[in-house]
Structures are given as structure tokens and as C-alpha cells.
């Protein structure tokens, strides 16, 4: 079961290991900021739109959310690739949001952008 995010941010979920929703995580992180997330949900996926009125504020909240994230060590990567190690949804949510903030350079992005993502379940 592979899932993808495409649009203004591209991401491939780890097959069979992550069951959370990009839109749900992004919506929760944007709640306490001056940014808004709209989600259009169907059985096969969702369209997620974010309106960035204060991208720096969102970047700050993502940084706080991902504070406990630690990349896998080479040994852990080998175990993961051999199905001997599973990482929970929390780990993958942090990884995904870290990539999101980095790829979109939220800390240096101007206000007023509107971004759209297609999420395939």
C-alpha cells in the first residue's frame, strides 16, 4: 500500500509503515498559527490547501513538533530494510513534516502563498 503526496510538496510514504494523514498532521500544526488548512477528503485520498499568512510561525511550530526527531542510525536503517525494526507513526509524522518545512523553506518564505497537495491513500 503505497501513498504519495504531490503538488507543491512531493513525498512518498514508507510503504506499509505509516498510517497517518499528511493533511491531518498539517491541519493540527496550523491550528495555533495565522495559517489555514482546508481539506477535501474522499475514499481514495484528499486535496489539502494551505494559505500561508505567516509561514515563519508554521515553521516554528513544525520545529517544535519535530524536536524529538532523530534520523535512523546505519544499523537501524539496515534493521528497518530487513523488516526487523518498525518505526511508529509519530516518527514518520516528524520525518514528513521536517521534509515539508525544509523543501518549502518555510522559515524564509513570503506571506500570502497558497499551496495545494494531492494525497493518495
PDB file of N, CA and C in Angstrom:
ATOM      1  N   UNK A   1       0.840  -1.182   0.000  1.00  0.00           N
ATOM      2  CA  UNK A   1       0.000   0.000   0.000  1.00  0.00           C
ATOM      3  C   UNK A   1       0.880   1.238   0.000  1.00  0.00           C
ATOM      4  N   UNK A   2       1.172   1.766  -1.154  1.00  0.00           N
ATOM      5  CA  UNK A   2       1.980   2.977  -1.225  1.00  0.00           C
ATOM      6  C   UNK A   2       1.101   4.204  -1.278  1.00  0.00           C
ATOM      7  N   UNK A   3       1.564   5.291  -0.693  1.00  0.00           N
ATOM      8  CA  UNK A   3       0.828   6.543  -0.730  1.00  0.00           C
ATOM      9  C   UNK A   3       1.799   7.650  -1.094  1.00  0.00           C
ATOM     10  N   UNK A   4       1.265   8.643  -1.769  1.00  0.00           N
ATOM     11  CA  UNK A   4       2.098   9.736  -2.246  1.00  0.00           C
ATOM     12  C   UNK A   4       1.440  11.072  -1.963  1.00  0.00           C
ATOM     13  N   UNK A   5       2.266  12.077  -1.839  1.00  0.00           N
ATOM     14  CA  UNK A   5       1.809  13.457  -1.812  1.00  0.00           C
ATOM     15  C   UNK A   5       2.436  14.098  -3.036  1.00  0.00           C
ATOM     16  N   UNK A   6       1.637  14.805  -3.803  1.00  0.00           N
ATOM     17  CA  UNK A   6       2.182  15.512  -4.952  1.00  0.00           C
ATOM     18  C   UNK A   6       1.588  16.909  -4.988  1.00  0.00           C
ATOM     19  N   UNK A   7       2.204  17.761  -5.754  1.00  0.00           N
ATOM     20  CA  UNK A   7       1.773  19.151  -5.842  1.00  0.00           C
ATOM     21  C   UNK A   7       2.932  20.038  -5.472  1.00  0.00           C
ATOM     22  N   UNK A   8       2.685  20.984  -4.580  1.00  0.00           N
ATOM     23  CA  UNK A   8       3.747  21.901  -4.161  1.00  0.00           C
ATOM     24  C   UNK A   8       4.754  21.251  -3.220  1.00  0.00           C
ATOM     25  N   UNK A   9       4.487  20.022  -2.798  1.00  0.00           N
ATOM     26  CA  UNK A   9       5.400  19.231  -1.967  1.00  0.00           C
ATOM     27  C   UNK A   9       5.247  17.786  -2.402  1.00  0.00           C
ATOM     28  N   UNK A  10       6.362  17.122  -2.694  1.00  0.00           N
ATOM     29  CA  UNK A  10       6.329  15.726  -3.102  1.00  0.00           C
ATOM     30  C   UNK A  10       6.904  14.860  -1.994  1.00  0.00           C
ATOM     31  N   UNK A  11       6.202  13.773  -1.683  1.00  0.00           N
ATOM     32  CA  UNK A  11       6.634  12.887  -0.616  1.00  0.00           C
ATOM     33  C   UNK A  11       6.072  11.501  -0.883  1.00  0.00           C
ATOM     34  N   UNK A  12       6.864  10.476  -0.646  1.00  0.00           N
ATOM     35  CA  UNK A  12       6.393   9.097  -0.763  1.00  0.00           C
ATOM     36  C   UNK A  12       6.394   8.500   0.634  1.00  0.00           C
ATOM     37  N   UNK A  13       5.207   8.073   1.081  1.00  0.00           N
ATOM     38  CA  UNK A  13       5.103   7.442   2.386  1.00  0.00           C
ATOM     39  C   UNK A  13       5.869   6.123   2.382  1.00  0.00           C
ATOM     40  N   UNK A  14       6.401   5.740   3.524  1.00  0.00           N
ATOM     41  CA  UNK A  14       7.072   4.454   3.660  1.00  0.00           C
ATOM     42  C   UNK A  14       6.004   3.370   3.553  1.00  0.00           C
ATOM     43  N   UNK A  15       6.147   2.510   2.576  1.00  0.00           N
ATOM     44  CA  UNK A  15       5.117   1.518   2.267  1.00  0.00           C
ATOM     45  C   UNK A  15       4.785   0.660   3.487  1.00  0.00           C
ATOM     46  N   UNK A  16       3.526   0.664   3.849  1.00  0.00           N
ATOM     47  CA  UNK A  16       3.041  -0.202   4.913  1.00  0.00           C
ATOM     48  C   UNK A  16       3.492   0.173   6.310  1.00  0.00           C
ATOM     49  N   UNK A  17       4.218   1.281   6.476  1.00  0.00           N
ATOM     50  CA  UNK A  17       4.725   1.591   7.804  1.00  0.00           C
ATOM     51  C   UNK A  17       4.125   2.869   8.381  1.00  0.00           C
ATOM     52  N   UNK A  18       3.518   3.706   7.546  1.00  0.00           N
ATOM     53  CA  UNK A  18       2.944   4.932   8.064  1.00  0.00           C
ATOM     54  C   UNK A  18       1.460   4.953   7.757  1.00  0.00           C
ATOM     55  N   UNK A  19       0.664   5.212   8.765  1.00  0.00           N
ATOM     56  CA  UNK A  19      -0.778   5.198   8.549  1.00  0.00           C
ATOM     57  C   UNK A  19      -1.419   6.539   8.864  1.00  0.00           C
ATOM     58  N   UNK A  20      -0.637   7.562   9.103  1.00  0.00           N
ATOM     59  CA  UNK A  20      -1.217   8.855   9.423  1.00  0.00           C
ATOM     60  C   UNK A  20      -1.508   9.638   8.144  1.00  0.00           C
ATOM     61  N   UNK A  21      -2.189  10.733   8.295  1.00  0.00           N
ATOM     62  CA  UNK A  21      -2.585  11.560   7.171  1.00  0.00           C
ATOM     63  C   UNK A  21      -1.791  12.853   7.164  1.00  0.00           C
ATOM     64  N   UNK A  22      -1.199  13.151   6.042  1.00  0.00           N
ATOM     65  CA  UNK A  22      -0.462  14.408   5.885  1.00  0.00           C
ATOM     66  C   UNK A  22      -1.367  15.599   6.188  1.00  0.00           C
ATOM     67  N   UNK A  23      -2.560  15.581   5.623  1.00  0.00           N
ATOM     68  CA  UNK A  23      -3.486  16.688   5.830  1.00  0.00           C
ATOM     69  C   UNK A  23      -3.859  16.875   7.288  1.00  0.00           C
ATOM     70  N   UNK A  24      -4.085  15.770   7.977  1.00  0.00           N
ATOM     71  CA  UNK A  24      -4.456  15.839   9.390  1.00  0.00           C
ATOM     72  C   UNK A  24      -3.321  16.428  10.235  1.00  0.00           C
ATOM     73  N   UNK A  25      -2.111  15.979   9.989  1.00  0.00           N
ATOM     74  CA  UNK A  25      -0.957  16.472  10.740  1.00  0.00           C
ATOM     75  C   UNK A  25      -0.734  17.952  10.452  1.00  0.00           C
ATOM     76  N   UNK A  26      -0.797  18.332   9.175  1.00  0.00           N
ATOM     77  CA  UNK A  26      -0.600  19.733   8.808  1.00  0.00           C
ATOM     78  C   UNK A  26      -1.688  20.618   9.397  1.00  0.00           C
ATOM     79  N   UNK A  27      -2.922  20.126   9.373  1.00  0.00           N
ATOM     80  CA  UNK A  27      -4.042  20.882   9.938  1.00  0.00           C
ATOM     81  C   UNK A  27      -3.837  21.136  11.433  1.00  0.00           C
ATOM     82  N   UNK A  28      -3.402  20.115  12.163  1.00  0.00           N
ATOM     83  CA  UNK A  28      -3.153  20.271  13.600  1.00  0.00           C
ATOM     84  C   UNK A  28      -2.040  21.270  13.871  1.00  0.00           C
ATOM     85  N   UNK A  29      -0.974  21.222  13.066  1.00  0.00           N
ATOM     86  CA  UNK A  29       0.143  22.140  13.273  1.00  0.00           C
ATOM     87  C   UNK A  29      -0.228  23.580  12.932  1.00  0.00           C
ATOM     88  N   UNK A  30      -1.121  23.774  11.994  1.00  0.00           N
ATOM     89  CA  UNK A  30      -1.506  25.126  11.582  1.00  0.00           C
ATOM     90  C   UNK A  30      -2.554  25.743  12.513  1.00  0.00           C
ATOM     91  N   UNK A  31      -3.189  24.918  13.357  1.00  0.00           N
ATOM     92  CA  UNK A  31      -4.275  25.399  14.227  1.00  0.00           C
ATOM     93  C   UNK A  31      -3.902  26.616  15.061  1.00  0.00           C
ATOM     94  N   UNK A  32      -2.749  26.622  15.661  1.00  0.00           N
ATOM     95  CA  UNK A  32      -2.375  27.714  16.549  1.00  0.00           C
ATOM     96  C   UNK A  32      -1.617  28.830  15.847  1.00  0.00           C
ATOM     97  N   UNK A  33      -1.697  28.869  14.521  1.00  0.00           N
ATOM     98  CA  UNK A  33      -0.956  29.875  13.763  1.00  0.00           C
ATOM     99  C   UNK A  33      -1.930  30.726  12.949  1.00  0.00           C
ATOM    100  N   UNK A  34      -1.393  31.711  12.253  1.00  0.00           N
ATOM    101  CA  UNK A  34      -2.208  32.537  11.357  1.00  0.00           C
ATOM    102  C   UNK A  34      -2.243  31.954   9.947  1.00  0.00           C
ATOM    103  N   UNK A  35      -2.129  30.649   9.847  1.00  0.00           N
ATOM    104  CA  UNK A  35      -2.197  29.938   8.575  1.00  0.00           C
ATOM    105  C   UNK A  35      -3.441  29.067   8.614  1.00  0.00           C
ATOM    106  N   UNK A  36      -4.039  28.796   7.460  1.00  0.00           N
ATOM    107  CA  UNK A  36      -5.235  27.953   7.476  1.00  0.00           C
ATOM    108  C   UNK A  36      -5.092  26.809   6.488  1.00  0.00           C
ATOM    109  N   UNK A  37      -5.643  25.672   6.887  1.00  0.00           N
ATOM    110  CA  UNK A  37      -5.611  24.457   6.079  1.00  0.00           C
ATOM    111  C   UNK A  37      -7.048  24.058   5.758  1.00  0.00           C
ATOM    112  N   UNK A  38      -7.290  23.744   4.492  1.00  0.00           N
ATOM    113  CA  UNK A  38      -8.577  23.231   4.040  1.00  0.00           C
ATOM    114  C   UNK A  38      -8.330  21.865   3.438  1.00  0.00           C
ATOM    115  N   UNK A  39      -9.168  20.898   3.825  1.00  0.00           N
ATOM    116  CA  UNK A  39      -9.013  19.528   3.323  1.00  0.00           C
ATOM    117  C   UNK A  39     -10.294  19.087   2.648  1.00  0.00           C
ATOM    118  N   UNK A  40     -10.142  18.481   1.458  1.00  0.00           N
ATOM    119  CA  UNK A  40     -11.249  17.876   0.727  1.00  0.00           C
ATOM    120  C   UNK A  40     -10.962  16.381   0.700  1.00  0.00           C
ATOM    121  N   UNK A  41     -11.740  15.610   1.458  1.00  0.00           N
ATOM    122  CA  UNK A  41     -11.436  14.206   1.709  1.00  0.00           C
ATOM    123  C   UNK A  41     -12.396  13.299   0.932  1.00  0.00           C
ATOM    124  N   UNK A  42     -11.817  12.246   0.310  1.00  0.00           N
ATOM    125  CA  UNK A  42     -12.625  11.221  -0.350  1.00  0.00           C
ATOM    126  C   UNK A  42     -12.091   9.851   0.078  1.00  0.00           C
ATOM    127  N   UNK A  43     -12.654   8.792  -0.464  1.00  0.00           N
ATOM    128  CA  UNK A  43     -12.217   7.439  -0.115  1.00  0.00           C
ATOM    129  C   UNK A  43     -10.819   7.109  -0.631  1.00  0.00           C
ATOM    130  N   UNK A  44     -10.400   7.769  -1.683  1.00  0.00           N
ATOM    131  CA  UNK A  44      -9.113   7.421  -2.310  1.00  0.00           C
ATOM    132  C   UNK A  44      -7.999   8.413  -1.989  1.00  0.00           C
ATOM    133  N   UNK A  45      -8.333   9.500  -1.328  1.00  0.00           N
ATOM    134  CA  UNK A  45      -7.310  10.480  -0.994  1.00  0.00           C
ATOM    135  C   UNK A  45      -7.922  11.801  -0.582  1.00  0.00           C
ATOM    136  N   UNK A  46      -7.105  12.816  -0.622  1.00  0.00           N
ATOM    137  CA  UNK A  46      -7.595  14.135  -0.265  1.00  0.00           C
ATOM    138  C   UNK A  46      -6.800  15.214  -0.982  1.00  0.00           C
ATOM    139  N   UNK A  47      -7.416  16.363  -1.088  1.00  0.00           N
ATOM    140  CA  UNK A  47      -6.735  17.563  -1.570  1.00  0.00           C
ATOM    141  C   UNK A  47      -6.557  18.443  -0.345  1.00  0.00           C
ATOM    142  N   UNK A  48      -5.347  18.901  -0.142  1.00  0.00           N
ATOM    143  CA  UNK A  48      -5.035  19.736   1.016  1.00  0.00           C
ATOM    144  C   UNK A  48      -4.535  21.079   0.503  1.00  0.00           C
ATOM    145  N   UNK A  49      -5.132  22.153   1.002  1.00  0.00           N
ATOM    146  CA  UNK A  49      -4.689  23.501   0.642  1.00  0.00           C
ATOM    147  C   UNK A  49      -4.287  24.218   1.918  1.00  0.00           C
ATOM    148  N   UNK A  50      -3.175  24.918   1.828  1.00  0.00           N
ATOM    149  CA  UNK A  50      -2.755  25.734   2.970  1.00  0.00           C
ATOM    150  C   UNK A  50      -2.537  27.163   2.490  1.00  0.00           C
ATOM    151  N   UNK A  51      -3.033  28.094   3.276  1.00  0.00           N
ATOM    152  CA  UNK A  51      -2.872  29.504   2.998  1.00  0.00           C
ATOM    153  C   UNK A  51      -1.877  30.042   4.023  1.00  0.00           C
ATOM    154  N   UNK A  52      -0.720  30.451   3.531  1.00  0.00           N
ATOM    155  CA  UNK A  52       0.371  30.859   4.407  1.00  0.00           C
ATOM    156  C   UNK A  52       0.339  32.362   4.671  1.00  0.00           C
ATOM    157  N   UNK A  53      -0.342  32.743   5.742  1.00  0.00           N
ATOM    158  CA  UNK A  53      -0.316  34.139   6.151  1.00  0.00           C
ATOM    159  C   UNK A  53       0.916  34.428   7.005  1.00  0.00           C
ATOM    160  N   UNK A  54       1.444  33.394   7.655  1.00  0.00           N
ATOM    161  CA  UNK A  54       2.656  33.547   8.476  1.00  0.00           C
ATOM    162  C   UNK A  54       3.463  32.247   8.425  1.00  0.00           C
ATOM    163  N   UNK A  55       4.195  32.017   7.324  1.00  0.00           N
ATOM    164  CA  UNK A  55       4.949  30.765   7.192  1.00  0.00           C
ATOM    165  C   UNK A  55       6.020  30.582   8.260  1.00  0.00           C
ATOM    166  N   UNK A  56       6.589  31.670   8.752  1.00  0.00           N
ATOM    167  CA  UNK A  56       7.614  31.569   9.796  1.00  0.00           C
ATOM    168  C   UNK A  56       7.035  30.995  11.080  1.00  0.00           C
ATOM    169  N   UNK A  57       5.796  31.367  11.378  1.00  0.00           N
ATOM    170  CA  UNK A  57       5.113  30.850  12.559  1.00  0.00           C
ATOM    171  C   UNK A  57       4.867  29.343  12.414  1.00  0.00           C
ATOM    172  N   UNK A  58       4.463  28.907  11.219  1.00  0.00           N
ATOM    173  CA  UNK A  58       4.265  27.484  10.971  1.00  0.00           C
ATOM    174  C   UNK A  58       5.590  26.740  11.064  1.00  0.00           C
ATOM    175  N   UNK A  59       6.647  27.328  10.517  1.00  0.00           N
ATOM    176  CA  UNK A  59       7.980  26.709  10.596  1.00  0.00           C
ATOM    177  C   UNK A  59       8.397  26.528  12.051  1.00  0.00           C
ATOM    178  N   UNK A  60       8.098  27.505  12.877  1.00  0.00           N
ATOM    179  CA  UNK A  60       8.420  27.428  14.312  1.00  0.00           C
ATOM    180  C   UNK A  60       7.665  26.280  14.981  1.00  0.00           C
ATOM    181  N   UNK A  61       6.369  26.137  14.659  1.00  0.00           N
ATOM    182  CA  UNK A  61       5.578  25.052  15.243  1.00  0.00           C
ATOM    183  C   UNK A  61       6.038  23.685  14.735  1.00  0.00           C
ATOM    184  N   UNK A  62       6.426  23.612  13.474  1.00  0.00           N
ATOM    185  CA  UNK A  62       6.944  22.350  12.939  1.00  0.00           C
ATOM    186  C   UNK A  62       8.257  22.001  13.606  1.00  0.00           C
ATOM    187  N   UNK A  63       9.095  22.999  13.827  1.00  0.00           N
ATOM    188  CA  UNK A  63      10.376  22.764  14.501  1.00  0.00           C
ATOM    189  C   UNK A  63      10.140  22.224  15.921  1.00  0.00           C
ATOM    190  N   UNK A  64       9.153  22.781  16.610  1.00  0.00           N
ATOM    191  CA  UNK A  64       8.813  22.306  17.954  1.00  0.00           C
ATOM    192  C   UNK A  64       8.269  20.868  17.883  1.00  0.00           C
ATOM    193  N   UNK A  65       7.415  20.599  16.886  1.00  0.00           N
ATOM    194  CA  UNK A  65       6.822  19.272  16.694  1.00  0.00           C
ATOM    195  C   UNK A  65       7.892  18.218  16.394  1.00  0.00           C
ATOM    196  N   UNK A  66       8.919  18.595  15.656  1.00  0.00           N
ATOM    197  CA  UNK A  66       9.959  17.642  15.229  1.00  0.00           C
ATOM    198  C   UNK A  66      11.181  17.645  16.147  1.00  0.00           C
ATOM    199  N   UNK A  67      11.073  18.313  17.273  1.00  0.00           N
ATOM    200  CA  UNK A  67      12.218  18.450  18.181  1.00  0.00           C
ATOM    201  C   UNK A  67      12.802  17.105  18.612  1.00  0.00           C
ATOM    202  N   UNK A  68      11.971  16.108  18.803  1.00  0.00           N
ATOM    203  CA  UNK A  68      12.438  14.795  19.267  1.00  0.00           C
ATOM    204  C   UNK A  68      12.867  13.873  18.123  1.00  0.00           C
ATOM    205  N   UNK A  69      12.736  14.344  16.877  1.00  0.00           N
ATOM    206  CA  UNK A  69      13.105  13.514  15.728  1.00  0.00           C
ATOM    207  C   UNK A  69      14.614  13.259  15.711  1.00  0.00           C
ATOM    208  N   UNK A  70      14.967  12.009  15.516  1.00  0.00           N
ATOM    209  CA  UNK A  70      16.367  11.620  15.352  1.00  0.00           C
ATOM    210  C   UNK A  70      16.437  10.696  14.142  1.00  0.00           C
ATOM    211  N   UNK A  71      17.313  10.995  13.178  1.00  0.00           N
ATOM    212  CA  UNK A  71      17.423  10.115  12.000  1.00  0.00           C
ATOM    213  C   UNK A  71      17.845   8.713  12.422  1.00  0.00           C
ATOM    214  N   UNK A  72      17.475   7.753  11.606  1.00  0.00           N
ATOM    215  CA  UNK A  72      17.889   6.380  11.880  1.00  0.00           C
ATOM    216  C   UNK A  72      19.405   6.259  11.743  1.00  0.00           C
ATOM    217  N   UNK A  73      19.992   5.491  12.632  1.00  0.00           N
ATOM    218  CA  UNK A  73      21.424   5.190  12.509  1.00  0.00           C
ATOM    219  C   UNK A  73      21.585   4.193  11.363  1.00  0.00           C
ATOM    220  N   UNK A  74      22.805   4.011  10.846  1.00  0.00           N
ATOM    221  CA  UNK A  74      23.008   2.999   9.792  1.00  0.00           C
ATOM    222  C   UNK A  74      22.531   1.606  10.224  1.00  0.00           C
ATOM    223  N   UNK A  75      22.754   1.257  11.480  1.00  0.00           N
ATOM    224  CA  UNK A  75      22.308  -0.048  11.983  1.00  0.00           C
ATOM    225  C   UNK A  75      20.779  -0.139  11.974  1.00  0.00           C
ATOM    226  N   UNK A  76      20.119   0.935  12.422  1.00  0.00           N
ATOM    227  CA  UNK A  76      18.660   0.954  12.431  1.00  0.00           C
ATOM    228  C   UNK A  76      18.106   0.905  11.004  1.00  0.00           C
ATOM    229  N   UNK A  77      18.753   1.617  10.085  1.00  0.00           N
ATOM    230  CA  UNK A  77      18.320   1.582   8.682  1.00  0.00           C
ATOM    231  C   UNK A  77      18.385   0.168   8.133  1.00  0.00           C
ATOM    232  N   UNK A  78      19.474  -0.536   8.444  1.00  0.00           N
ATOM    233  CA  UNK A  78      19.617  -1.917   7.979  1.00  0.00           C
ATOM    234  C   UNK A  78      18.517  -2.791   8.570  1.00  0.00           C
ATOM    235  N   UNK A  79      18.264  -2.634   9.868  1.00  0.00           N
ATOM    236  CA  UNK A  79      17.198  -3.404  10.506  1.00  0.00           C
ATOM    237  C   UNK A  79      15.842  -3.072   9.889  1.00  0.00           C
ATOM    238  N   UNK A  80      15.608  -1.791   9.626  1.00  0.00           N
ATOM    239  CA  UNK A  80      14.341  -1.366   9.034  1.00  0.00           C
ATOM    240  C   UNK A  80      14.180  -1.986   7.642  1.00  0.00           C
ATOM    241  N   UNK A  81      15.234  -1.952   6.851  1.00  0.00           N
ATOM    242  CA  UNK A  81      15.184  -2.510   5.492  1.00  0.00           C
ATOM    243  C   UNK A  81      14.970  -4.020   5.500  1.00  0.00           C
ATOM    244  N   UNK A  82      15.371  -4.674   6.577  1.00  0.00           N
ATOM    245  CA  UNK A  82      15.200  -6.126   6.698  1.00  0.00           C
ATOM    246  C   UNK A  82      13.959  -6.503   7.516  1.00  0.00           C
ATOM    247  N   UNK A  83      13.078  -5.522   7.731  1.00  0.00           N
ATOM    248  CA  UNK A  83      11.816  -5.735   8.448  1.00  0.00           C
ATOM    249  C   UNK A  83      12.010  -6.194   9.886  1.00  0.00           C
ATOM    250  N   UNK A  84      13.141  -5.859  10.482  1.00  0.00           N
ATOM    251  CA  UNK A  84      13.391  -6.222  11.878  1.00  0.00           C
ATOM    252  C   UNK A  84      13.142  -5.045  12.822  1.00  0.00           C
ATOM    253  N   UNK A  85      12.857  -3.886  12.251  1.00  0.00           N
ATOM    254  CA  UNK A  85      12.600  -2.684  13.048  1.00  0.00           C
ATOM    255  C   UNK A  85      11.425  -1.943  12.430  1.00  0.00           C
ATOM    256  N   UNK A  86      10.465  -1.593  13.275  1.00  0.00           N
ATOM    257  CA  UNK A  86       9.338  -0.778  12.827  1.00  0.00           C
ATOM    258  C   UNK A  86       9.385   0.535  13.588  1.00  0.00           C
ATOM    259  N   UNK A  87       9.128   1.585  12.871  1.00  0.00           N
ATOM    260  CA  UNK A  87       9.058   2.902  13.497  1.00  0.00           C
ATOM    261  C   UNK A  87       7.585   3.289  13.531  1.00  0.00           C
ATOM    262  N   UNK A  88       7.151   3.900  14.609  1.00  0.00           N
ATOM    263  CA  UNK A  88       5.745   4.257  14.765  1.00  0.00           C
ATOM    264  C   UNK A  88       5.340   5.461  13.927  1.00  0.00           C
ATOM    265  N   UNK A  89       4.042   5.712  13.897  1.00  0.00           N
ATOM    266  CA  UNK A  89       3.512   6.839  13.135  1.00  0.00           C
ATOM    267  C   UNK A  89       4.114   8.164  13.585  1.00  0.00           C
ATOM    268  N   UNK A  90       4.351   8.311  14.890  1.00  0.00           N
ATOM    269  CA  UNK A  90       4.930   9.563  15.390  1.00  0.00           C
ATOM    270  C   UNK A  90       6.263   9.862  14.720  1.00  0.00           C
ATOM    271  N   UNK A  91       7.094   8.839  14.576  1.00  0.00           N
ATOM    272  CA  UNK A  91       8.397   9.010  13.927  1.00  0.00           C
ATOM    273  C   UNK A  91       8.211   9.494  12.498  1.00  0.00           C
ATOM    274  N   UNK A  92       7.324   8.835  11.730  1.00  0.00           N
ATOM    275  CA  UNK A  92       7.142   9.183  10.325  1.00  0.00           C
ATOM    276  C   UNK A  92       6.458  10.540  10.163  1.00  0.00           C
ATOM    277  N   UNK A  93       5.570  10.897  11.096  1.00  0.00           N
ATOM    278  CA  UNK A  93       4.959  12.230  11.052  1.00  0.00           C
ATOM    279  C   UNK A  93       6.022  13.308  11.208  1.00  0.00           C
ATOM    280  N   UNK A  94       6.939  13.099  12.156  1.00  0.00           N
ATOM    281  CA  UNK A  94       8.006  14.074  12.358  1.00  0.00           C
ATOM    282  C   UNK A  94       8.916  14.151  11.132  1.00  0.00           C
ATOM    283  N   UNK A  95       9.257  12.987  10.591  1.00  0.00           N
ATOM    284  CA  UNK A  95      10.116  12.935   9.403  1.00  0.00           C
ATOM    285  C   UNK A  95       9.454  13.685   8.240  1.00  0.00           C
ATOM    286  N   UNK A  96       8.169  13.405   8.001  1.00  0.00           N
ATOM    287  CA  UNK A  96       7.437  14.021   6.904  1.00  0.00           C
ATOM    288  C   UNK A  96       7.350  15.537   7.075  1.00  0.00           C
ATOM    289  N   UNK A  97       7.029  16.002   8.267  1.00  0.00           N
ATOM    290  CA  UNK A  97       6.897  17.441   8.497  1.00  0.00           C
ATOM    291  C   UNK A  97       8.252  18.149   8.426  1.00  0.00           C
ATOM    292  N   UNK A  98       9.302  17.475   8.860  1.00  0.00           N
ATOM    293  CA  UNK A  98      10.649  18.041   8.741  1.00  0.00           C
ATOM    294  C   UNK A  98      10.990  18.244   7.265  1.00  0.00           C
ATOM    295  N   UNK A  99      10.717  17.228   6.435  1.00  0.00           N
ATOM    296  CA  UNK A  99      10.962  17.329   4.992  1.00  0.00           C
ATOM    297  C   UNK A  99      10.105  18.432   4.371  1.00  0.00           C
ATOM    298  N   UNK A 100       8.849  18.524   4.799  1.00  0.00           N
ATOM    299  CA  UNK A 100       7.929  19.539   4.300  1.00  0.00           C
ATOM    300  C   UNK A 100       8.479  20.945   4.565  1.00  0.00           C
ATOM    301  N   UNK A 101       8.865  21.206   5.794  1.00  0.00           N
ATOM    302  CA  UNK A 101       9.374  22.534   6.155  1.00  0.00           C
ATOM    303  C   UNK A 101      10.672  22.856   5.412  1.00  0.00           C
ATOM    304  N   UNK A 102      11.534  21.858   5.262  1.00  0.00           N
ATOM    305  CA  UNK A 102      12.805  22.074   4.568  1.00  0.00           C
ATOM    306  C   UNK A 102      12.589  22.312   3.076  1.00  0.00           C
ATOM    307  N   UNK A 103      11.793  21.448   2.440  1.00  0.00           N
ATOM    308  CA  UNK A 103      11.601  21.554   0.991  1.00  0.00           C
ATOM    309  C   UNK A 103      10.937  22.872   0.611  1.00  0.00           C
ATOM    310  N   UNK A 104       9.981  23.327   1.428  1.00  0.00           N
ATOM    311  CA  UNK A 104       9.281  24.571   1.120  1.00  0.00           C
ATOM    312  C   UNK A 104       9.963  25.796   1.722  1.00  0.00           C
ATOM    313  N   UNK A 105      11.050  25.573   2.462  1.00  0.00           N
ATOM    314  CA  UNK A 105      11.822  26.651   3.081  1.00  0.00           C
ATOM    315  C   UNK A 105      10.896  27.641   3.802  1.00  0.00           C
ATOM    316  N   UNK A 106      10.077  27.106   4.687  1.00  0.00           N
ATOM    317  CA  UNK A 106       9.072  27.916   5.367  1.00  0.00           C
ATOM    318  C   UNK A 106       9.666  29.072   6.164  1.00  0.00           C
ATOM    319  N   UNK A 107      10.853  28.887   6.708  1.00  0.00           N
ATOM    320  CA  UNK A 107      11.448  29.955   7.516  1.00  0.00           C
ATOM    321  C   UNK A 107      11.768  31.197   6.695  1.00  0.00           C
ATOM    322  N   UNK A 108      11.974  31.035   5.397  1.00  0.00           N
ATOM    323  CA  UNK A 108      12.343  32.161   4.534  1.00  0.00           C
ATOM    324  C   UNK A 108      11.289  32.471   3.479  1.00  0.00           C
ATOM    325  N   UNK A 109      10.125  31.889   3.596  1.00  0.00           N
ATOM    326  CA  UNK A 109       9.071  32.054   2.593  1.00  0.00           C
ATOM    327  C   UNK A 109       8.246  33.303   2.893  1.00  0.00           C
ATOM    328  N   UNK A 110       7.801  33.969   1.837  1.00  0.00           N
ATOM    329  CA  UNK A 110       6.976  35.163   1.999  1.00  0.00           C
ATOM    330  C   UNK A 110       5.543  34.797   2.370  1.00  0.00           C
ATOM    331  N   UNK A 111       4.882  35.692   3.058  1.00  0.00           N
ATOM    332  CA  UNK A 111       3.475  35.512   3.413  1.00  0.00           C
ATOM    333  C   UNK A 111       2.609  35.649   2.170  1.00  0.00           C
ATOM    334  N   UNK A 112       1.414  35.067   2.257  1.00  0.00           N
ATOM    335  CA  UNK A 112       0.446  35.228   1.187  1.00  0.00           C
ATOM    336  C   UNK A 112       0.414  34.104   0.171  1.00  0.00           C
ATOM    337  N   UNK A 113       1.275  33.105   0.306  1.00  0.00           N
ATOM    338  CA  UNK A 113       1.274  31.978  -0.628  1.00  0.00           C
ATOM    339  C   UNK A 113       0.108  31.044  -0.333  1.00  0.00           C
ATOM    340  N   UNK A 114      -0.398  30.428  -1.379  1.00  0.00           N
ATOM    341  CA  UNK A 114      -1.407  29.389  -1.267  1.00  0.00           C
ATOM    342  C   UNK A 114      -0.825  28.144  -1.938  1.00  0.00           C
ATOM    343  N   UNK A 115      -0.780  27.025  -1.206  1.00  0.00           N
ATOM    344  CA  UNK A 115      -0.190  25.809  -1.721  1.00  0.00           C
ATOM    345  C   UNK A 115      -1.233  24.697  -1.750  1.00  0.00           C
ATOM    346  N   UNK A 116      -1.088  23.778  -2.692  1.00  0.00           N
ATOM    347  CA  UNK A 116      -2.038  22.677  -2.814  1.00  0.00           C
ATOM    348  C   UNK A 116      -1.304  21.357  -2.967  1.00  0.00           C
ATOM    349  N   UNK A 117      -1.865  20.315  -2.330  1.00  0.00           N
ATOM    350  CA  UNK A 117      -1.272  18.996  -2.340  1.00  0.00           C
ATOM    351  C   UNK A 117      -2.349  17.954  -2.598  1.00  0.00           C
ATOM    352  N   UNK A 118      -2.024  16.954  -3.399  1.00  0.00           N
ATOM    353  CA  UNK A 118      -2.891  15.794  -3.595  1.00  0.00           C
ATOM    354  C   UNK A 118      -2.301  14.658  -2.803  1.00  0.00           C
ATOM    355  N   UNK A 119      -3.100  14.048  -1.936  1.00  0.00           N
ATOM    356  CA  UNK A 119      -2.631  12.941  -1.104  1.00  0.00           C
ATOM    357  C   UNK A 119      -3.355  11.686  -1.543  1.00  0.00           C
ATOM    358  N   UNK A 120      -2.600  10.695  -1.976  1.00  0.00           N
ATOM    359  CA  UNK A 120      -3.178   9.418  -2.406  1.00  0.00           C
ATOM    360  C   UNK A 120      -3.128   8.446  -1.239  1.00  0.00           C
ATOM    361  N   UNK A 121      -4.275   7.860  -0.902  1.00  0.00           N
ATOM    362  CA  UNK A 121      -4.320   6.867   0.177  1.00  0.00           C
ATOM    363  C   UNK A 121      -3.929   5.514  -0.335  1.00  0.00           C
TER     364      UNK A 121
END
